[in-house]
Amino acid sequence: MTSCKIEKEKRKILSLRPPRKIKDPTPVEKRKVTRGAIAEANRCLATRTCDSCDVCSLLCPDLCITRDSATGRVVIDYDYCKGCGICAFVCPKGAITMILDE
């Protein structure tokens, strides 16, 4: 069994402005997104990857989710999957998404 190692990036402290009261209730203009905000969003969203916890394979009624012996990664056999969505529902990281097949 291959061991998984997760390397997390440290959170970068962004400079914060003190809160202020809004005097005028008119809609606020859209602002440009700073590089720091984009980097922080990417850091947070990057945690939504598979940790190979095997919860999806344990609860799959069709047994179509297995682990590749060569790479140790979780593999879904779409030929046998009936699309029940249990794997996507129970995935603690939200790494599995259901897409409507046309």
Protein backbone atom coordinates (compact mmCIF):
# COMPACT_ATOMS: atom_id res chain seq x y z
CA MET A 1 0.00 0.00 0.00
CA THR A 2 1.33 3.38 -0.98
CA SER A 3 1.45 6.02 1.72
CA CYS A 4 0.00 9.42 0.93
CA LYS A 5 1.66 12.62 2.06
CA ILE A 6 -0.14 15.93 1.96
CA GLU A 7 1.91 19.09 1.94
CA LYS A 8 -0.11 22.11 2.97
CA GLU A 9 0.94 25.64 2.19
CA LYS A 10 1.15 28.04 5.08
CA ARG A 11 -1.43 30.79 5.11
CA LYS A 12 -0.10 34.17 4.08
CA ILE A 13 -1.19 37.00 6.34
CA LEU A 14 -2.82 39.73 4.31
CA SER A 15 -2.92 43.31 5.46
CA LEU A 16 -6.38 44.16 6.70
CA ARG A 17 -8.07 47.52 6.82
CA PRO A 18 -10.08 48.42 9.91
CA PRO A 19 -13.86 48.12 9.43
CA ARG A 20 -15.72 51.30 8.64
CA LYS A 21 -19.34 52.32 8.58
CA ILE A 22 -21.10 52.57 5.26
CA LYS A 23 -22.57 56.04 4.95
CA ASP A 24 -24.14 55.67 1.54
CA PRO A 25 -26.22 52.48 0.90
CA THR A 26 -25.75 52.65 -2.88
CA PRO A 27 -24.18 49.58 -4.53
CA VAL A 28 -20.42 49.30 -4.30
CA GLU A 29 -18.39 49.28 -7.50
CA LYS A 30 -16.60 46.10 -8.46
CA ARG A 31 -12.97 46.20 -7.46
CA LYS A 32 -9.98 44.61 -9.06
CA VAL A 33 -8.95 41.38 -7.38
CA THR A 34 -5.46 41.55 -5.93
CA ARG A 35 -2.84 38.87 -6.47
CA GLY A 36 -2.87 38.08 -2.77
CA ALA A 37 -6.59 37.32 -2.83
CA ILE A 38 -6.17 35.04 -5.85
CA ALA A 39 -3.29 33.18 -4.18
CA GLU A 40 -5.33 32.71 -0.99
CA ALA A 41 -8.35 31.43 -2.94
CA ASN A 42 -6.15 28.97 -4.84
CA ARG A 43 -4.64 27.76 -1.58
CA CYS A 44 -8.06 27.13 -0.07
CA LEU A 45 -9.55 25.50 -3.16
CA ALA A 46 -6.49 23.28 -3.66
CA THR A 47 -7.49 21.30 -0.58
CA ARG A 48 -10.39 19.78 -2.51
CA THR A 49 -8.36 16.87 -3.83
CA CYS A 50 -8.68 13.16 -3.21
CA ASP A 51 -6.93 11.93 -0.07
CA SER A 52 -7.43 8.26 -1.07
CA CYS A 53 -9.47 7.60 2.06
CA ASP A 54 -11.45 4.82 0.26
CA VAL A 55 -14.82 5.92 1.68
CA CYS A 56 -16.23 6.11 -1.85
CA SER A 57 -15.03 2.61 -2.75
CA LEU A 58 -16.45 1.13 0.45
CA LEU A 59 -19.92 2.56 -0.18
CA CYS A 60 -20.10 2.06 -3.96
CA PRO A 61 -22.93 -0.45 -4.64
CA ASP A 62 -21.48 -1.40 -8.05
CA LEU A 63 -17.89 -1.91 -6.81
CA CYS A 64 -16.63 0.21 -9.69
CA ILE A 65 -14.28 2.31 -7.55
CA THR A 66 -10.94 0.63 -6.96
CA ARG A 67 -7.34 1.54 -6.22
CA ASP A 68 -4.73 1.31 -8.97
CA SER A 69 -2.01 -1.03 -7.74
CA ALA A 70 0.72 0.74 -9.71
CA THR A 71 0.05 4.34 -8.66
CA GLY A 72 -2.05 3.89 -5.52
CA ARG A 73 -4.66 6.33 -6.83
CA VAL A 74 -8.42 5.82 -6.72
CA VAL A 75 -9.86 4.82 -10.12
CA ILE A 76 -13.52 4.87 -11.20
CA ASP A 77 -14.59 2.40 -13.90
CA TYR A 78 -17.23 4.35 -15.80
CA ASP A 79 -18.34 1.27 -17.78
CA TYR A 80 -19.83 -0.23 -14.60
CA CYS A 81 -20.88 2.97 -12.81
CA LYS A 82 -24.64 3.50 -12.89
CA GLY A 83 -24.37 7.12 -11.67
CA CYS A 84 -26.12 6.78 -8.31
CA GLY A 85 -24.03 9.63 -6.82
CA ILE A 86 -23.34 7.97 -3.47
CA CYS A 87 -19.58 8.40 -3.95
CA ALA A 88 -19.95 12.14 -4.58
CA PHE A 89 -22.25 12.51 -1.57
CA VAL A 90 -19.94 10.73 0.90
CA CYS A 91 -16.60 12.13 -0.33
CA PRO A 92 -15.31 14.23 2.60
CA LYS A 93 -13.19 16.43 0.31
CA GLY A 94 -15.78 16.94 -2.43
CA ALA A 95 -13.31 15.57 -4.97
CA ILE A 96 -15.99 13.64 -6.89
CA THR A 97 -18.56 15.57 -8.89
CA MET A 98 -21.48 14.26 -10.88
CA ILE A 99 -21.73 15.45 -14.51
CA LEU A 100 -24.77 14.83 -16.65
CA ASP A 101 -23.83 12.61 -19.61
CA GLU A 102 -25.44 13.76 -22.85
